[in-house]
Amino acid sequence: MRAADGFTGRANSTLTCGDPGMPIPRALGVIEGFAREHGIKPTAHVVIGSPPEQAIEAAGWRVDLDHPGGAESLVMTGPLEKFADGVAESRDLPGWWELTAGSEVSPAQRHVLGSGTNVCFAGTVENGSENGTVVAAVRGAVVEDVLHVARLAVRPSHRRQGLARRLMGELAGWGLEQGATTCALQVAEHNEPAIRLYEELGCAEHHRYRYWVPAVS
């Protein structure tokens, strides 16, 4: 059960893998109580086709079609050695946060993106200058042997220049140095350009998930 002041769906939802140890309707009631306590929307993070999904639907919940990131997302995985190229340098640049989180960064955003013991804030700076504009950014975090990739972003003015591919290659190189062998990432099903990029890097769909919310909230 996760709460982070509303920043990102995953960080403000309850993961429904496994047996909750109680009937599903009762578990959903616990989710609603947890959400009220933390001031967030009651949300269940559900792997599509998993055993809890039918029971959650039968209990009167619905797919959150209004979710800002889209109703359905893919989790993709792939071997780092296939696309590693260079090694990313982790730099906590102000422009990194502005590009990936917005002009005003909240404590919740810094907690969600900055927590962890092995995190990389990789970015591409225009003209290579330390004082230049961050034109591409990505976050990586290594847990055991998996590099978790998030917040890949390129400024509209600098798209279609291969910056995302280059940055992913450098992040993969960083991940290998940290002992990771595999990457995992999430991407909305409607983000076809990103899905194509990840497929070209050697990633494949592992599973899909979507968020469920009470039919009447």
N, C-alpha and C. Protein backbone atom coordinates (compact mmCIF):
# COMPACT_ATOMS: atom_id res chain seq x y z
N MET A 1 0.87 -1.17 0.00
CA MET A 1 0.00 0.00 0.00
C MET A 1 0.90 1.22 0.00
N ARG A 2 0.70 2.11 -0.98
CA ARG A 2 1.66 3.19 -1.21
C ARG A 2 0.94 4.53 -1.28
N ALA A 3 1.57 5.55 -0.70
CA ALA A 3 1.03 6.90 -0.74
C ALA A 3 2.18 7.88 -0.83
N ALA A 4 2.09 8.84 -1.76
CA ALA A 4 3.16 9.82 -1.96
C ALA A 4 2.58 11.15 -2.40
N ASP A 5 1.54 11.59 -1.69
CA ASP A 5 0.96 12.91 -1.93
C ASP A 5 0.48 13.08 -3.37
N GLY A 6 0.08 11.98 -4.01
CA GLY A 6 -0.51 12.05 -5.34
C GLY A 6 0.46 12.00 -6.50
N PHE A 7 1.78 11.95 -6.24
CA PHE A 7 2.75 11.95 -7.34
C PHE A 7 2.98 10.54 -7.85
N THR A 8 2.61 10.30 -9.07
CA THR A 8 2.63 9.06 -9.86
C THR A 8 1.55 8.08 -9.39
N GLY A 9 1.06 7.30 -10.35
CA GLY A 9 0.05 6.31 -10.03
C GLY A 9 0.60 5.18 -9.17
N ARG A 10 1.76 4.67 -9.54
CA ARG A 10 2.32 3.53 -8.80
C ARG A 10 2.57 3.89 -7.34
N ALA A 11 3.05 5.10 -7.10
CA ALA A 11 3.39 5.49 -5.72
C ALA A 11 2.17 5.86 -4.90
N ASN A 12 0.99 5.81 -5.49
CA ASN A 12 -0.24 6.16 -4.78
C ASN A 12 -1.33 5.12 -5.04
N SER A 13 -0.92 3.86 -5.02
CA SER A 13 -1.87 2.78 -5.28
C SER A 13 -1.45 1.55 -4.48
N THR A 14 -2.35 0.59 -4.41
CA THR A 14 -2.09 -0.66 -3.71
C THR A 14 -1.84 -1.75 -4.73
N LEU A 15 -0.68 -2.38 -4.65
CA LEU A 15 -0.34 -3.47 -5.57
C LEU A 15 -1.11 -4.72 -5.15
N THR A 16 -1.78 -5.35 -6.12
CA THR A 16 -2.69 -6.45 -5.80
C THR A 16 -2.15 -7.81 -6.21
N CYS A 17 -0.85 -7.98 -6.16
CA CYS A 17 -0.26 -9.30 -6.44
C CYS A 17 -0.40 -10.20 -5.21
N GLY A 18 -0.77 -11.45 -5.44
CA GLY A 18 -0.82 -12.40 -4.34
C GLY A 18 -2.14 -12.36 -3.57
N ASP A 19 -2.21 -13.18 -2.56
CA ASP A 19 -3.41 -13.33 -1.73
C ASP A 19 -3.38 -12.27 -0.63
N PRO A 20 -4.43 -11.42 -0.53
CA PRO A 20 -4.43 -10.38 0.51
C PRO A 20 -4.71 -10.92 1.91
N GLY A 21 -5.06 -12.20 2.00
CA GLY A 21 -5.32 -12.78 3.31
C GLY A 21 -6.71 -12.50 3.83
N MET A 22 -7.56 -12.01 2.97
CA MET A 22 -8.96 -11.72 3.31
C MET A 22 -9.76 -11.69 2.03
N PRO A 23 -11.10 -11.73 2.08
CA PRO A 23 -11.90 -11.62 0.86
C PRO A 23 -11.59 -10.32 0.12
N ILE A 24 -11.64 -10.37 -1.20
CA ILE A 24 -11.30 -9.20 -2.02
C ILE A 24 -12.15 -7.98 -1.66
N PRO A 25 -13.48 -8.11 -1.49
CA PRO A 25 -14.26 -6.91 -1.14
C PRO A 25 -13.78 -6.26 0.15
N ARG A 26 -13.40 -7.08 1.12
CA ARG A 26 -12.89 -6.52 2.38
C ARG A 26 -11.54 -5.82 2.14
N ALA A 27 -10.70 -6.44 1.32
CA ALA A 27 -9.39 -5.84 1.02
C ALA A 27 -9.57 -4.50 0.32
N LEU A 28 -10.55 -4.41 -0.57
CA LEU A 28 -10.81 -3.14 -1.25
C LEU A 28 -11.27 -2.07 -0.25
N GLY A 29 -12.02 -2.50 0.75
CA GLY A 29 -12.41 -1.56 1.80
C GLY A 29 -11.22 -1.03 2.56
N VAL A 30 -10.22 -1.90 2.79
CA VAL A 30 -9.00 -1.47 3.45
C VAL A 30 -8.26 -0.45 2.58
N ILE A 31 -8.24 -0.69 1.26
CA ILE A 31 -7.62 0.27 0.34
C ILE A 31 -8.30 1.63 0.44
N GLU A 32 -9.62 1.63 0.49
CA GLU A 32 -10.35 2.91 0.59
C GLU A 32 -10.03 3.62 1.89
N GLY A 33 -9.93 2.87 2.99
CA GLY A 33 -9.58 3.49 4.26
C GLY A 33 -8.18 4.06 4.24
N PHE A 34 -7.24 3.33 3.66
CA PHE A 34 -5.86 3.80 3.54
C PHE A 34 -5.81 5.08 2.71
N ALA A 35 -6.58 5.12 1.62
CA ALA A 35 -6.59 6.31 0.76
C ALA A 35 -7.15 7.51 1.49
N ARG A 36 -8.23 7.32 2.23
CA ARG A 36 -8.80 8.44 2.99
C ARG A 36 -7.79 8.97 4.01
N GLU A 37 -7.09 8.04 4.66
CA GLU A 37 -6.12 8.42 5.67
C GLU A 37 -4.99 9.27 5.09
N HIS A 38 -4.63 9.01 3.83
CA HIS A 38 -3.49 9.69 3.21
C HIS A 38 -3.91 10.75 2.20
N GLY A 39 -5.20 10.99 2.06
CA GLY A 39 -5.67 12.06 1.17
C GLY A 39 -5.43 11.80 -0.30
N ILE A 40 -5.52 10.53 -0.73
CA ILE A 40 -5.34 10.19 -2.13
C ILE A 40 -6.57 9.43 -2.63
N LYS A 41 -6.64 9.22 -3.94
CA LYS A 41 -7.77 8.49 -4.52
C LYS A 41 -7.58 6.99 -4.30
N PRO A 42 -8.62 6.26 -3.87
CA PRO A 42 -8.49 4.81 -3.72
C PRO A 42 -8.17 4.17 -5.06
N THR A 43 -7.06 3.46 -5.13
CA THR A 43 -6.61 2.91 -6.41
C THR A 43 -5.94 1.56 -6.20
N ALA A 44 -6.33 0.60 -7.04
CA ALA A 44 -5.70 -0.72 -7.02
C ALA A 44 -4.86 -0.87 -8.29
N HIS A 45 -3.61 -1.25 -8.12
CA HIS A 45 -2.67 -1.50 -9.22
C HIS A 45 -2.80 -2.98 -9.56
N VAL A 46 -3.36 -3.30 -10.73
CA VAL A 46 -3.77 -4.67 -11.04
C VAL A 46 -3.08 -5.16 -12.31
N VAL A 47 -2.40 -6.29 -12.22
CA VAL A 47 -1.82 -6.93 -13.39
C VAL A 47 -2.96 -7.52 -14.22
N ILE A 48 -2.99 -7.18 -15.50
CA ILE A 48 -4.08 -7.63 -16.36
C ILE A 48 -4.04 -9.16 -16.49
N GLY A 49 -5.19 -9.78 -16.25
CA GLY A 49 -5.30 -11.23 -16.32
C GLY A 49 -4.92 -11.95 -15.05
N SER A 50 -4.57 -11.20 -14.00
CA SER A 50 -4.19 -11.82 -12.73
C SER A 50 -5.44 -12.29 -11.99
N PRO A 51 -5.30 -13.25 -11.06
CA PRO A 51 -6.47 -13.77 -10.34
C PRO A 51 -7.31 -12.70 -9.65
N PRO A 52 -6.73 -11.63 -9.07
CA PRO A 52 -7.60 -10.66 -8.38
C PRO A 52 -8.48 -9.83 -9.31
N GLU A 53 -8.13 -9.75 -10.60
CA GLU A 53 -8.80 -8.77 -11.45
C GLU A 53 -10.31 -9.02 -11.55
N GLN A 54 -10.73 -10.25 -11.81
CA GLN A 54 -12.16 -10.52 -11.93
C GLN A 54 -12.89 -10.23 -10.63
N ALA A 55 -12.28 -10.57 -9.50
CA ALA A 55 -12.92 -10.33 -8.22
C ALA A 55 -13.04 -8.83 -7.93
N ILE A 56 -12.04 -8.05 -8.35
CA ILE A 56 -12.10 -6.60 -8.16
C ILE A 56 -13.22 -6.01 -9.01
N GLU A 57 -13.36 -6.49 -10.22
CA GLU A 57 -14.45 -6.02 -11.08
C GLU A 57 -15.81 -6.42 -10.50
N ALA A 58 -15.90 -7.65 -10.01
CA ALA A 58 -17.17 -8.13 -9.45
C ALA A 58 -17.55 -7.34 -8.21
N ALA A 59 -16.57 -6.76 -7.52
CA ALA A 59 -16.84 -5.98 -6.31
C ALA A 59 -17.33 -4.57 -6.64
N GLY A 60 -17.42 -4.24 -7.92
CA GLY A 60 -17.98 -2.95 -8.32
C GLY A 60 -16.96 -1.88 -8.65
N TRP A 61 -15.70 -2.26 -8.74
CA TRP A 61 -14.69 -1.28 -9.14
C TRP A 61 -14.61 -1.22 -10.66
N ARG A 62 -13.99 -0.17 -11.18
CA ARG A 62 -13.88 0.03 -12.63
C ARG A 62 -12.46 0.45 -12.98
N VAL A 63 -12.09 0.25 -14.25
CA VAL A 63 -10.79 0.70 -14.73
C VAL A 63 -10.77 2.23 -14.72
N ASP A 64 -9.68 2.80 -14.25
CA ASP A 64 -9.56 4.25 -14.15
C ASP A 64 -9.21 4.83 -15.52
N LEU A 65 -10.22 5.07 -16.33
CA LEU A 65 -10.01 5.59 -17.67
C LEU A 65 -9.56 7.05 -17.66
N ASP A 66 -9.69 7.71 -16.51
CA ASP A 66 -9.29 9.12 -16.41
C ASP A 66 -7.86 9.28 -15.91
N HIS A 67 -7.15 8.18 -15.72
CA HIS A 67 -5.79 8.29 -15.20
C HIS A 67 -4.92 9.10 -16.17
N PRO A 68 -4.17 10.09 -15.68
CA PRO A 68 -3.40 10.98 -16.57
C PRO A 68 -2.44 10.25 -17.49
N GLY A 69 -1.87 9.14 -17.03
CA GLY A 69 -0.91 8.41 -17.84
C GLY A 69 -1.53 7.41 -18.78
N GLY A 70 -2.86 7.32 -18.80
CA GLY A 70 -3.54 6.34 -19.63
C GLY A 70 -4.03 5.17 -18.80
N ALA A 71 -5.02 4.46 -19.31
CA ALA A 71 -5.67 3.40 -18.55
C ALA A 71 -4.80 2.14 -18.43
N GLU A 72 -3.89 1.94 -19.37
CA GLU A 72 -3.15 0.67 -19.41
C GLU A 72 -1.69 0.93 -19.72
N SER A 73 -0.82 0.18 -19.06
CA SER A 73 0.62 0.33 -19.28
C SER A 73 1.28 -1.03 -19.47
N LEU A 74 2.38 -1.03 -20.20
CA LEU A 74 3.20 -2.21 -20.39
C LEU A 74 4.38 -2.15 -19.44
N VAL A 75 4.77 -3.31 -18.91
CA VAL A 75 6.06 -3.44 -18.25
C VAL A 75 6.95 -4.20 -19.23
N MET A 76 8.09 -3.60 -19.58
CA MET A 76 8.99 -4.21 -20.54
C MET A 76 10.33 -4.50 -19.86
N THR A 77 10.97 -5.57 -20.29
CA THR A 77 12.26 -5.95 -19.73
C THR A 77 13.21 -6.32 -20.86
N GLY A 78 14.50 -6.24 -20.57
CA GLY A 78 15.49 -6.61 -21.57
C GLY A 78 16.89 -6.64 -20.98
N PRO A 79 17.83 -7.33 -21.65
CA PRO A 79 19.20 -7.43 -21.16
C PRO A 79 19.98 -6.15 -21.43
N LEU A 80 20.68 -5.65 -20.44
CA LEU A 80 21.42 -4.40 -20.57
C LEU A 80 22.54 -4.49 -21.59
N GLU A 81 23.18 -5.63 -21.67
CA GLU A 81 24.35 -5.75 -22.54
C GLU A 81 24.01 -5.53 -24.01
N LYS A 82 22.73 -5.65 -24.37
CA LYS A 82 22.34 -5.47 -25.76
C LYS A 82 22.40 -4.01 -26.21
N PHE A 83 22.22 -3.08 -25.27
CA PHE A 83 22.19 -1.68 -25.71
C PHE A 83 23.08 -0.76 -24.89
N ALA A 84 23.87 -1.31 -23.98
CA ALA A 84 24.78 -0.48 -23.20
C ALA A 84 25.80 0.19 -24.12
N ASP A 85 25.99 1.49 -23.94
CA ASP A 85 26.91 2.24 -24.77
C ASP A 85 27.39 3.46 -23.98
N GLY A 86 28.59 3.34 -23.39
CA GLY A 86 29.07 4.41 -22.52
C GLY A 86 28.58 4.19 -21.11
N VAL A 87 28.86 5.16 -20.23
CA VAL A 87 28.44 5.08 -18.83
C VAL A 87 27.88 6.44 -18.42
N ALA A 88 26.64 6.46 -17.96
CA ALA A 88 26.01 7.72 -17.55
C ALA A 88 26.65 8.26 -16.28
N GLU A 89 26.71 9.57 -16.20
CA GLU A 89 27.15 10.24 -14.98
C GLU A 89 25.92 10.76 -14.25
N SER A 90 25.83 10.47 -12.97
CA SER A 90 24.69 10.94 -12.18
C SER A 90 24.94 12.37 -11.72
N ARG A 91 24.04 13.28 -12.15
CA ARG A 91 24.20 14.69 -11.77
C ARG A 91 22.84 15.25 -11.35
N ASP A 92 22.77 15.76 -10.16
CA ASP A 92 21.53 16.32 -9.62
C ASP A 92 21.40 17.77 -10.09
N LEU A 93 21.11 17.93 -11.38
CA LEU A 93 21.02 19.26 -11.99
C LEU A 93 19.62 19.84 -11.81
N PRO A 94 19.50 21.14 -11.56
CA PRO A 94 18.16 21.76 -11.47
C PRO A 94 17.33 21.50 -12.73
N GLY A 95 17.98 21.55 -13.88
CA GLY A 95 17.26 21.33 -15.13
C GLY A 95 16.74 19.92 -15.28
N TRP A 96 17.42 18.97 -14.60
CA TRP A 96 16.92 17.58 -14.63
C TRP A 96 15.54 17.51 -13.99
N TRP A 97 15.41 18.12 -12.84
CA TRP A 97 14.14 18.10 -12.13
C TRP A 97 13.06 18.86 -12.89
N GLU A 98 13.41 19.96 -13.47
CA GLU A 98 12.43 20.76 -14.22
C GLU A 98 11.87 19.97 -15.40
N LEU A 99 12.74 19.22 -16.10
CA LEU A 99 12.31 18.46 -17.27
C LEU A 99 11.48 17.24 -16.89
N THR A 100 11.83 16.57 -15.81
CA THR A 100 11.16 15.32 -15.46
C THR A 100 10.01 15.46 -14.48
N ALA A 101 10.01 16.56 -13.69
CA ALA A 101 8.99 16.69 -12.65
C ALA A 101 8.22 18.01 -12.69
N GLY A 102 8.68 18.99 -13.48
CA GLY A 102 7.97 20.25 -13.55
C GLY A 102 8.76 21.39 -12.94
N SER A 103 8.24 22.58 -13.10
CA SER A 103 8.97 23.78 -12.67
C SER A 103 9.05 23.90 -11.15
N GLU A 104 8.04 23.41 -10.44
CA GLU A 104 8.05 23.46 -8.98
C GLU A 104 8.06 22.02 -8.45
N VAL A 105 9.18 21.62 -7.89
CA VAL A 105 9.36 20.24 -7.43
C VAL A 105 8.91 20.12 -5.98
N SER A 106 7.97 19.24 -5.73
CA SER A 106 7.43 19.07 -4.38
C SER A 106 8.29 18.10 -3.57
N PRO A 107 8.15 18.13 -2.24
CA PRO A 107 8.86 17.14 -1.41
C PRO A 107 8.51 15.70 -1.79
N ALA A 108 7.26 15.46 -2.19
CA ALA A 108 6.86 14.11 -2.58
C ALA A 108 7.60 13.67 -3.83
N GLN A 109 7.75 14.58 -4.79
CA GLN A 109 8.49 14.24 -6.00
C GLN A 109 9.94 13.92 -5.70
N ARG A 110 10.55 14.72 -4.84
CA ARG A 110 11.94 14.46 -4.48
C ARG A 110 12.08 13.13 -3.73
N HIS A 111 11.08 12.81 -2.93
CA HIS A 111 11.14 11.55 -2.19
C HIS A 111 11.00 10.36 -3.13
N VAL A 112 9.99 10.41 -4.02
CA VAL A 112 9.75 9.29 -4.92
C VAL A 112 10.93 9.07 -5.87
N LEU A 113 11.45 10.16 -6.43
CA LEU A 113 12.52 10.03 -7.42
C LEU A 113 13.90 9.94 -6.80
N GLY A 114 14.06 10.51 -5.61
CA GLY A 114 15.39 10.58 -5.03
C GLY A 114 15.72 9.54 -4.00
N SER A 115 14.72 8.82 -3.50
CA SER A 115 15.00 7.83 -2.46
C SER A 115 15.64 6.59 -3.07
N GLY A 116 16.37 5.88 -2.26
CA GLY A 116 17.06 4.68 -2.73
C GLY A 116 18.56 4.86 -2.54
N THR A 117 19.26 3.74 -2.49
CA THR A 117 20.70 3.79 -2.22
C THR A 117 21.54 3.74 -3.49
N ASN A 118 20.94 3.42 -4.62
CA ASN A 118 21.71 3.27 -5.85
C ASN A 118 20.93 3.86 -7.02
N VAL A 119 20.92 5.20 -7.08
CA VAL A 119 20.09 5.93 -8.04
C VAL A 119 20.97 6.77 -8.94
N CYS A 120 20.59 6.85 -10.21
CA CYS A 120 21.33 7.66 -11.18
C CYS A 120 20.39 8.68 -11.82
N PHE A 121 20.76 9.96 -11.75
CA PHE A 121 20.05 11.02 -12.44
C PHE A 121 20.88 11.39 -13.67
N ALA A 122 20.55 10.81 -14.80
CA ALA A 122 21.33 11.02 -16.01
C ALA A 122 20.67 12.09 -16.88
N GLY A 123 21.49 12.94 -17.48
CA GLY A 123 20.94 13.99 -18.32
C GLY A 123 21.90 14.39 -19.41
N THR A 124 21.34 14.92 -20.50
CA THR A 124 22.13 15.47 -21.59
C THR A 124 21.98 16.98 -21.56
N VAL A 125 23.10 17.67 -21.48
CA VAL A 125 23.09 19.12 -21.38
C VAL A 125 23.42 19.72 -22.75
N GLU A 126 22.64 20.70 -23.16
CA GLU A 126 22.84 21.34 -24.46
C GLU A 126 24.26 21.88 -24.57
N ASN A 127 24.93 21.55 -25.66
CA ASN A 127 26.30 21.99 -25.95
C ASN A 127 27.32 21.46 -24.94
N GLY A 128 26.88 20.54 -24.07
CA GLY A 128 27.82 19.94 -23.13
C GLY A 128 28.24 20.82 -21.98
N SER A 129 27.69 22.02 -21.90
CA SER A 129 28.09 22.96 -20.86
C SER A 129 27.37 22.65 -19.55
N GLU A 130 28.07 22.75 -18.42
CA GLU A 130 27.45 22.51 -17.12
C GLU A 130 26.33 23.50 -16.85
N ASN A 131 26.42 24.67 -17.45
CA ASN A 131 25.39 25.70 -17.24
C ASN A 131 24.34 25.69 -18.34
N GLY A 132 24.44 24.74 -19.24
CA GLY A 132 23.49 24.69 -20.34
C GLY A 132 22.16 24.09 -19.94
N THR A 133 21.23 24.09 -20.87
CA THR A 133 19.89 23.55 -20.64
C THR A 133 19.91 22.03 -20.72
N VAL A 134 19.27 21.37 -19.76
CA VAL A 134 19.12 19.91 -19.81
C VAL A 134 18.05 19.60 -20.85
N VAL A 135 18.45 18.91 -21.92
CA VAL A 135 17.54 18.66 -23.04
C VAL A 135 17.01 17.23 -23.04
N ALA A 136 17.62 16.34 -22.27
CA ALA A 136 17.13 14.97 -22.16
C ALA A 136 17.50 14.45 -20.78
N ALA A 137 16.65 13.64 -20.20
CA ALA A 137 16.89 13.16 -18.84
C ALA A 137 16.25 11.80 -18.63
N VAL A 138 16.80 11.05 -17.68
CA VAL A 138 16.24 9.75 -17.32
C VAL A 138 16.72 9.41 -15.91
N ARG A 139 15.94 8.62 -15.20
CA ARG A 139 16.30 8.15 -13.87
C ARG A 139 16.48 6.64 -13.90
N GLY A 140 17.52 6.17 -13.25
CA GLY A 140 17.72 4.74 -13.10
C GLY A 140 17.97 4.39 -11.65
N ALA A 141 17.52 3.23 -11.23
CA ALA A 141 17.77 2.75 -9.88
C ALA A 141 18.02 1.25 -9.95
N VAL A 142 19.11 0.81 -9.34
CA VAL A 142 19.46 -0.61 -9.35
C VAL A 142 19.02 -1.26 -8.04
N VAL A 143 18.24 -2.30 -8.16
CA VAL A 143 17.83 -3.12 -7.03
C VAL A 143 18.19 -4.56 -7.36
N GLU A 144 19.09 -5.14 -6.57
CA GLU A 144 19.65 -6.46 -6.85
C GLU A 144 20.26 -6.43 -8.26
N ASP A 145 19.76 -7.23 -9.21
CA ASP A 145 20.38 -7.24 -10.53
C ASP A 145 19.49 -6.60 -11.60
N VAL A 146 18.55 -5.76 -11.17
CA VAL A 146 17.63 -5.13 -12.11
C VAL A 146 17.80 -3.61 -12.09
N LEU A 147 17.95 -3.03 -13.27
CA LEU A 147 17.97 -1.58 -13.43
C LEU A 147 16.56 -1.12 -13.74
N HIS A 148 15.96 -0.36 -12.83
CA HIS A 148 14.62 0.17 -13.04
C HIS A 148 14.74 1.55 -13.70
N VAL A 149 14.13 1.70 -14.86
CA VAL A 149 14.24 2.92 -15.66
C VAL A 149 12.94 3.71 -15.55
N ALA A 150 13.06 5.03 -15.37
CA ALA A 150 11.86 5.87 -15.25
C ALA A 150 12.17 7.29 -15.70
N ARG A 151 11.11 8.04 -15.97
CA ARG A 151 11.16 9.48 -16.23
C ARG A 151 12.01 9.85 -17.45
N LEU A 152 12.07 8.99 -18.46
CA LEU A 152 12.78 9.34 -19.68
C LEU A 152 12.03 10.48 -20.37
N ALA A 153 12.74 11.58 -20.63
CA ALA A 153 12.09 12.75 -21.23
C ALA A 153 13.09 13.48 -22.11
N VAL A 154 12.59 13.99 -23.24
CA VAL A 154 13.39 14.81 -24.16
C VAL A 154 12.57 16.05 -24.49
N ARG A 155 13.20 17.20 -24.44
CA ARG A 155 12.48 18.43 -24.78
C ARG A 155 11.99 18.35 -26.23
N PRO A 156 10.76 18.84 -26.49
CA PRO A 156 10.21 18.78 -27.85
C PRO A 156 11.16 19.34 -28.91
N SER A 157 11.88 20.39 -28.55
CA SER A 157 12.79 21.03 -29.51
C SER A 157 13.99 20.17 -29.88
N HIS A 158 14.23 19.09 -29.12
CA HIS A 158 15.41 18.27 -29.35
C HIS A 158 15.05 16.81 -29.65
N ARG A 159 13.81 16.54 -29.97
CA ARG A 159 13.41 15.18 -30.29
C ARG A 159 13.86 14.79 -31.70
N ARG A 160 13.85 13.48 -31.93
CA ARG A 160 14.26 12.90 -33.22
C ARG A 160 15.73 13.17 -33.54
N GLN A 161 16.53 13.28 -32.49
CA GLN A 161 17.97 13.45 -32.66
C GLN A 161 18.76 12.30 -32.04
N GLY A 162 18.06 11.27 -31.60
CA GLY A 162 18.72 10.12 -31.00
C GLY A 162 19.14 10.30 -29.55
N LEU A 163 18.66 11.37 -28.90
CA LEU A 163 19.08 11.64 -27.53
C LEU A 163 18.56 10.59 -26.55
N ALA A 164 17.32 10.15 -26.74
CA ALA A 164 16.76 9.15 -25.83
C ALA A 164 17.52 7.83 -25.94
N ARG A 165 17.82 7.42 -27.17
CA ARG A 165 18.56 6.18 -27.38
C ARG A 165 19.96 6.27 -26.76
N ARG A 166 20.63 7.40 -26.96
CA ARG A 166 21.97 7.58 -26.41
C ARG A 166 21.94 7.56 -24.88
N LEU A 167 20.97 8.24 -24.31
CA LEU A 167 20.88 8.31 -22.86
C LEU A 167 20.56 6.94 -22.27
N MET A 168 19.70 6.18 -22.93
CA MET A 168 19.40 4.83 -22.46
C MET A 168 20.64 3.94 -22.51
N GLY A 169 21.45 4.10 -23.57
CA GLY A 169 22.68 3.33 -23.66
C GLY A 169 23.64 3.64 -22.54
N GLU A 170 23.75 4.93 -22.21
CA GLU A 170 24.65 5.34 -21.12
C GLU A 170 24.12 4.86 -19.77
N LEU A 171 22.80 4.92 -19.59
CA LEU A 171 22.23 4.44 -18.33
C LEU A 171 22.43 2.94 -18.19
N ALA A 172 22.31 2.21 -19.30
CA ALA A 172 22.55 0.76 -19.27
C ALA A 172 23.99 0.47 -18.86
N GLY A 173 24.93 1.27 -19.38
CA GLY A 173 26.32 1.10 -19.00
C GLY A 173 26.54 1.34 -17.52
N TRP A 174 25.86 2.35 -16.99
CA TRP A 174 25.93 2.62 -15.54
C TRP A 174 25.37 1.44 -14.77
N GLY A 175 24.24 0.92 -15.23
CA GLY A 175 23.61 -0.20 -14.55
C GLY A 175 24.51 -1.43 -14.51
N LEU A 176 25.19 -1.71 -15.62
CA LEU A 176 26.12 -2.85 -15.64
C LEU A 176 27.22 -2.67 -14.61
N GLU A 177 27.72 -1.44 -14.48
CA GLU A 177 28.77 -1.18 -13.49
C GLU A 177 28.27 -1.41 -12.07
N GLN A 178 26.96 -1.26 -11.86
CA GLN A 178 26.39 -1.44 -10.52
C GLN A 178 25.97 -2.89 -10.27
N GLY A 179 26.21 -3.77 -11.22
CA GLY A 179 25.89 -5.18 -11.04
C GLY A 179 24.57 -5.61 -11.62
N ALA A 180 23.87 -4.73 -12.33
CA ALA A 180 22.60 -5.11 -12.95
C ALA A 180 22.84 -5.85 -14.27
N THR A 181 21.92 -6.70 -14.62
CA THR A 181 21.99 -7.42 -15.90
C THR A 181 20.77 -7.18 -16.77
N THR A 182 19.68 -6.75 -16.14
CA THR A 182 18.40 -6.61 -16.82
C THR A 182 17.79 -5.26 -16.50
N CYS A 183 17.05 -4.71 -17.44
CA CYS A 183 16.31 -3.48 -17.16
C CYS A 183 14.82 -3.78 -17.11
N ALA A 184 14.10 -2.97 -16.37
CA ALA A 184 12.64 -3.04 -16.31
C ALA A 184 12.11 -1.61 -16.38
N LEU A 185 11.06 -1.42 -17.14
CA LEU A 185 10.48 -0.08 -17.29
C LEU A 185 9.00 -0.19 -17.58
N GLN A 186 8.30 0.92 -17.35
CA GLN A 186 6.87 0.99 -17.62
C GLN A 186 6.63 2.02 -18.70
N VAL A 187 5.68 1.73 -19.60
CA VAL A 187 5.35 2.67 -20.66
C VAL A 187 3.86 2.54 -20.99
N ALA A 188 3.19 3.69 -21.16
CA ALA A 188 1.77 3.68 -21.48
C ALA A 188 1.54 3.04 -22.85
N GLU A 189 0.47 2.29 -22.99
CA GLU A 189 0.22 1.56 -24.23
C GLU A 189 0.06 2.48 -25.44
N HIS A 190 -0.35 3.74 -25.20
CA HIS A 190 -0.54 4.65 -26.33
C HIS A 190 0.76 5.32 -26.76
N ASN A 191 1.83 5.14 -26.00
CA ASN A 191 3.11 5.79 -26.31
C ASN A 191 3.89 4.92 -27.29
N GLU A 192 3.42 4.88 -28.52
CA GLU A 192 4.00 3.99 -29.51
C GLU A 192 5.46 4.31 -29.85
N PRO A 193 5.85 5.60 -29.95
CA PRO A 193 7.27 5.87 -30.23
C PRO A 193 8.20 5.31 -29.16
N ALA A 194 7.81 5.44 -27.89
CA ALA A 194 8.64 4.91 -26.81
C ALA A 194 8.70 3.39 -26.86
N ILE A 195 7.56 2.76 -27.13
CA ILE A 195 7.54 1.29 -27.20
C ILE A 195 8.46 0.81 -28.33
N ARG A 196 8.41 1.49 -29.48
CA ARG A 196 9.29 1.11 -30.59
C ARG A 196 10.76 1.25 -30.20
N LEU A 197 11.09 2.36 -29.52
CA LEU A 197 12.47 2.56 -29.08
C LEU A 197 12.91 1.43 -28.18
N TYR A 198 12.11 1.08 -27.18
CA TYR A 198 12.49 0.04 -26.24
C TYR A 198 12.60 -1.32 -26.94
N GLU A 199 11.74 -1.57 -27.90
CA GLU A 199 11.83 -2.83 -28.65
C GLU A 199 13.13 -2.87 -29.45
N GLU A 200 13.51 -1.74 -30.05
CA GLU A 200 14.76 -1.69 -30.80
C GLU A 200 15.97 -1.89 -29.91
N LEU A 201 15.84 -1.54 -28.63
CA LEU A 201 16.92 -1.74 -27.68
C LEU A 201 16.98 -3.18 -27.16
N GLY A 202 16.01 -3.99 -27.54
CA GLY A 202 16.01 -5.39 -27.12
C GLY A 202 15.05 -5.72 -26.00
N CYS A 203 14.18 -4.77 -25.64
CA CYS A 203 13.21 -5.03 -24.58
C CYS A 203 11.94 -5.65 -25.16
N ALA A 204 11.26 -6.43 -24.35
CA ALA A 204 10.01 -7.07 -24.76
C ALA A 204 8.99 -6.93 -23.65
N GLU A 205 7.73 -7.02 -24.01
CA GLU A 205 6.66 -6.91 -23.02
C GLU A 205 6.69 -8.09 -22.06
N HIS A 206 6.68 -7.78 -20.78
CA HIS A 206 6.62 -8.81 -19.74
C HIS A 206 5.19 -9.02 -19.27
N HIS A 207 4.48 -7.93 -18.99
CA HIS A 207 3.06 -7.99 -18.65
C HIS A 207 2.48 -6.59 -18.76
N ARG A 208 1.18 -6.49 -18.58
CA ARG A 208 0.49 -5.19 -18.59
C ARG A 208 -0.26 -5.02 -17.28
N TYR A 209 -0.48 -3.77 -16.92
CA TYR A 209 -1.27 -3.49 -15.72
C TYR A 209 -2.16 -2.28 -15.97
N ARG A 210 -3.15 -2.13 -15.12
CA ARG A 210 -4.00 -0.95 -15.15
C ARG A 210 -4.48 -0.67 -13.74
N TYR A 211 -5.01 0.54 -13.58
CA TYR A 211 -5.48 0.97 -12.26
C TYR A 211 -7.01 0.84 -12.20
N TRP A 212 -7.48 0.33 -11.07
CA TRP A 212 -8.91 0.21 -10.81
C TRP A 212 -9.28 1.11 -9.65
N VAL A 213 -10.46 1.70 -9.74
CA VAL A 213 -10.95 2.60 -8.70
C VAL A 213 -12.41 2.27 -8.40
N PRO A 214 -12.94 2.67 -7.24
CA PRO A 214 -14.36 2.42 -6.96
C PRO A 214 -15.25 3.04 -8.03
N ALA A 215 -16.32 2.35 -8.37
CA ALA A 215 -17.23 2.85 -9.40
C ALA A 215 -17.83 4.19 -8.98
N VAL A 216 -18.07 4.36 -7.70
CA VAL A 216 -18.57 5.62 -7.18
C VAL A 216 -17.59 6.09 -6.11
N SER A 217 -16.92 7.21 -6.36
CA SER A 217 -15.92 7.67 -5.41
C SER A 217 -16.37 8.99 -4.78
